[in-house]
């Protein structure tokens, strides 16, 4: 089956504190509908406009709903580095292209002991995807530049690269064993390996 790739990540942020707050509300017994009502009334994510307020809610709902009850409970038990990883994982669970980048570029560089992500690494990935995907071949260069920037921002905010955005040094985070087990139980060992973890 041909995968449907999306460039939707260009308009989304990492939103870690918002992700954490949404999970805390869910653990406190709030449903998605109740969180929506609370957000509509109180602007709980401190959005700068009503459109952004709705957008953050919709994105957090989608991300958090990637987690089952065990995932929600696990999040609150993790250290902050692994909580940030969990936020990234929720993005990877919804974004096949970003997940493939992590497997084919990030994890591959780690395996080779090459701890730099350069502009060529990003460009080569997208050039290859344009050859193999009809959808991606139609994307404008501007879209690809924005996606590259979004990937870099997500990796920096997770803590997986540090330093210069264009050629940051890769700094893998040790995955909590419980997070590895959770991903394995969801048949997503590919994400464990993509993040430099081992099974």
Protein backbone atom coordinates (compact mmCIF):
# COMPACT_ATOMS: atom_id res chain seq x y z
CA UNK A 1 0.00 0.00 0.00
CA UNK A 2 1.31 3.44 -0.96
CA UNK A 3 1.89 5.69 2.04
CA UNK A 4 0.25 9.09 2.18
CA UNK A 5 2.84 11.60 3.28
CA UNK A 6 1.98 14.92 4.87
CA UNK A 7 3.81 18.24 5.18
CA UNK A 8 1.49 19.26 8.04
CA UNK A 9 4.36 19.48 10.52
CA UNK A 10 5.41 22.83 9.01
CA UNK A 11 2.63 24.63 10.91
CA UNK A 12 2.94 22.78 14.20
CA UNK A 13 5.21 23.44 17.16
CA UNK A 14 6.77 21.07 19.67
CA UNK A 15 4.27 22.22 22.34
CA UNK A 16 5.77 20.16 25.17
CA UNK A 17 4.21 22.07 28.08
CA UNK A 18 0.82 21.92 26.34
CA UNK A 19 1.21 18.16 25.78
CA UNK A 20 2.11 17.69 29.44
CA UNK A 21 -0.86 19.77 30.60
CA UNK A 22 -3.28 17.84 28.38
CA UNK A 23 -2.06 14.53 29.83
CA UNK A 24 -2.32 15.87 33.39
CA UNK A 25 -5.92 16.89 32.72
CA UNK A 26 -6.73 13.48 31.26
CA UNK A 27 -5.18 11.79 34.30
CA UNK A 28 -7.28 14.06 36.52
CA UNK A 29 -10.41 12.65 34.88
CA UNK A 30 -11.14 15.24 32.20
CA UNK A 31 -12.48 13.97 28.87
CA UNK A 32 -11.46 15.53 25.54
CA UNK A 33 -14.79 17.38 25.49
CA UNK A 34 -14.26 18.77 29.01
CA UNK A 35 -10.71 19.86 28.09
CA UNK A 36 -12.12 21.63 25.01
CA UNK A 37 -14.68 23.44 27.17
CA UNK A 38 -12.00 24.43 29.69
CA UNK A 39 -9.76 25.68 26.87
CA UNK A 40 -12.62 27.62 25.23
CA UNK A 41 -13.40 29.33 28.55
CA UNK A 42 -9.94 29.78 30.05
CA UNK A 43 -7.45 29.63 27.12
CA UNK A 44 -5.47 27.10 29.17
CA UNK A 45 -2.67 26.85 26.58
CA UNK A 46 -2.19 30.66 26.60
CA UNK A 47 -2.66 30.92 22.84
CA UNK A 48 -2.22 34.33 21.22
CA UNK A 49 -5.44 34.08 19.16
CA UNK A 50 -8.68 32.12 19.15
CA UNK A 51 -7.58 30.26 16.00
CA UNK A 52 -4.32 29.24 17.65
CA UNK A 53 -6.28 28.26 20.77
CA UNK A 54 -8.37 25.82 18.72
CA UNK A 55 -5.34 24.59 16.75
CA UNK A 56 -3.33 23.73 19.88
CA UNK A 57 -6.30 21.91 21.40
CA UNK A 58 -6.88 19.85 18.23
CA UNK A 59 -3.19 18.95 17.99
CA UNK A 60 -2.88 18.01 21.65
CA UNK A 61 -6.03 15.91 21.43
CA UNK A 62 -4.62 14.02 18.43
CA UNK A 63 -1.20 13.54 20.03
CA UNK A 64 -2.47 12.43 23.43
CA UNK A 65 -4.97 10.08 21.81
CA UNK A 66 -2.00 8.21 20.33
CA UNK A 67 -1.35 7.05 23.90
CA UNK A 68 -3.40 4.36 25.59
CA UNK A 69 -4.16 4.42 29.33
CA UNK A 70 -0.84 2.70 30.08
CA UNK A 71 0.96 5.39 28.08
CA UNK A 72 -0.78 8.19 29.97
CA UNK A 73 0.16 6.63 33.31
CA UNK A 74 3.74 6.03 32.16
CA UNK A 75 4.25 9.64 31.05
CA UNK A 76 3.87 10.97 34.59
CA UNK A 77 6.49 8.49 35.89
CA UNK A 78 9.22 9.46 33.42
CA UNK A 79 12.02 12.00 33.85
CA UNK A 80 11.74 15.19 31.81
CA UNK A 81 14.09 13.98 29.05
CA UNK A 82 11.91 10.92 28.45
CA UNK A 83 8.74 13.00 28.72
CA UNK A 84 10.08 15.16 25.88
CA UNK A 85 10.89 11.98 23.97
CA UNK A 86 7.33 10.81 24.57
CA UNK A 87 6.03 14.05 23.06
CA UNK A 88 8.24 13.47 20.01
CA UNK A 89 7.05 9.84 19.83
CA UNK A 90 3.42 11.03 19.74
CA UNK A 91 4.37 13.12 16.69
CA UNK A 92 6.22 10.22 15.05
CA UNK A 93 3.20 7.94 15.57
CA UNK A 94 1.17 10.28 13.34
CA UNK A 95 3.85 11.29 10.83
CA UNK A 96 5.30 8.51 8.66
CA UNK A 97 7.70 10.82 6.85
CA UNK A 98 9.29 12.20 10.02
CA UNK A 99 9.46 8.65 11.41
CA UNK A 100 11.29 7.52 8.26
CA UNK A 101 13.71 10.44 8.59
CA UNK A 102 14.51 9.35 12.14
CA UNK A 103 15.10 5.76 10.99
CA UNK A 104 16.94 6.44 7.74
CA UNK A 105 19.00 9.46 8.76
CA UNK A 106 19.18 10.03 12.53
CA UNK A 107 19.52 6.38 13.59
CA UNK A 108 21.75 5.56 10.61
CA UNK A 109 24.15 8.39 11.49
CA UNK A 110 24.23 7.12 15.08
CA UNK A 111 24.98 3.60 13.90
CA UNK A 112 27.92 4.87 11.84
CA UNK A 113 29.21 6.98 14.73
CA UNK A 114 28.63 10.17 12.75
CA UNK A 115 27.20 12.56 15.34
CA UNK A 116 26.51 15.52 13.05
CA UNK A 117 23.30 16.22 11.16
CA UNK A 118 24.22 18.46 8.23
CA UNK A 119 22.08 20.26 5.63
CA UNK A 120 23.18 17.56 3.16
CA UNK A 121 21.66 14.85 5.40
CA UNK A 122 18.27 16.56 5.32
CA UNK A 123 18.45 17.41 1.62
CA UNK A 124 19.52 13.91 0.58
CA UNK A 125 16.60 12.41 2.48
CA UNK A 126 14.05 14.61 0.74
CA UNK A 127 15.68 14.18 -2.69
CA UNK A 128 15.36 10.41 -2.29
CA UNK A 129 11.74 10.71 -1.12
CA UNK A 130 10.91 12.93 -4.11
CA UNK A 131 12.18 10.16 -6.38
CA UNK A 132 10.12 7.47 -4.68
CA UNK A 133 6.92 9.32 -3.80
CA UNK A 134 4.58 10.97 -6.28
CA UNK A 135 3.10 13.13 -3.49
CA UNK A 136 6.46 14.48 -2.30
CA UNK A 137 7.70 15.03 -5.87
CA UNK A 138 4.98 17.71 -6.22
CA UNK A 139 6.05 19.65 -3.13
CA UNK A 140 7.64 23.05 -3.70
CA UNK A 141 11.17 23.70 -2.49
CA UNK A 142 9.73 26.21 -0.01
CA UNK A 143 7.67 23.42 1.62
CA UNK A 144 10.70 21.16 1.94
CA UNK A 145 12.78 23.97 3.49
CA UNK A 146 10.04 24.57 6.07
CA UNK A 147 9.78 20.85 6.83
CA UNK A 148 13.55 20.61 7.33
CA UNK A 149 13.31 23.54 9.74
CA UNK A 150 10.42 21.83 11.59
CA UNK A 151 12.43 18.59 11.91
CA UNK A 152 15.41 20.52 13.27
CA UNK A 153 13.25 22.42 15.77
CA UNK A 154 11.61 19.21 17.03
CA UNK A 155 14.98 17.53 17.48
CA UNK A 156 16.47 20.56 19.28
CA UNK A 157 13.47 20.93 21.61
CA UNK A 158 13.54 17.20 22.41
CA UNK A 159 17.27 17.49 23.15
CA UNK A 160 18.33 15.05 20.41
CA UNK A 161 20.55 17.65 18.76
CA UNK A 162 22.36 20.60 20.30
CA UNK A 163 24.26 23.58 18.97
CA UNK A 164 23.79 25.03 15.49
CA UNK A 165 20.41 24.33 13.95
CA UNK A 166 21.89 23.71 10.49
CA UNK A 167 24.53 21.24 11.64
CA UNK A 168 23.74 20.34 15.21
CA UNK A 169 25.58 17.71 17.20
CA UNK A 170 23.44 14.65 17.83
CA UNK A 171 22.93 13.96 21.53
CA UNK A 172 20.84 10.79 21.86
CA UNK A 173 18.83 10.36 25.05
CA UNK A 174 18.78 7.08 26.93
CA UNK A 175 15.27 5.70 26.55
CA UNK A 176 13.60 4.60 29.76
CA UNK A 177 13.11 0.81 29.61
CA UNK A 178 9.41 1.26 30.31
CA UNK A 179 9.11 3.51 27.27
CA UNK A 180 10.86 0.87 25.15
CA UNK A 181 8.43 -1.76 26.47
CA UNK A 182 5.43 0.48 25.76
CA UNK A 183 6.54 1.05 22.16
CA UNK A 184 7.26 -2.66 21.72
CA UNK A 185 3.77 -3.50 22.98
CA UNK A 186 2.39 -1.15 20.30
CA UNK A 187 4.45 -2.90 17.58
CA UNK A 188 6.57 0.22 17.11
CA UNK A 189 10.03 -1.20 17.68
CA UNK A 190 10.99 0.85 14.61
CA UNK A 191 10.60 4.02 16.72
CA UNK A 192 12.78 2.57 19.51
CA UNK A 193 15.52 1.95 16.95
CA UNK A 194 14.92 5.31 15.23
CA UNK A 195 15.65 7.07 18.54
CA UNK A 196 18.88 5.15 18.99
CA UNK A 197 17.46 2.72 21.53
CA UNK A 198 17.98 -1.02 21.66
CA UNK A 199 15.50 -3.85 22.08
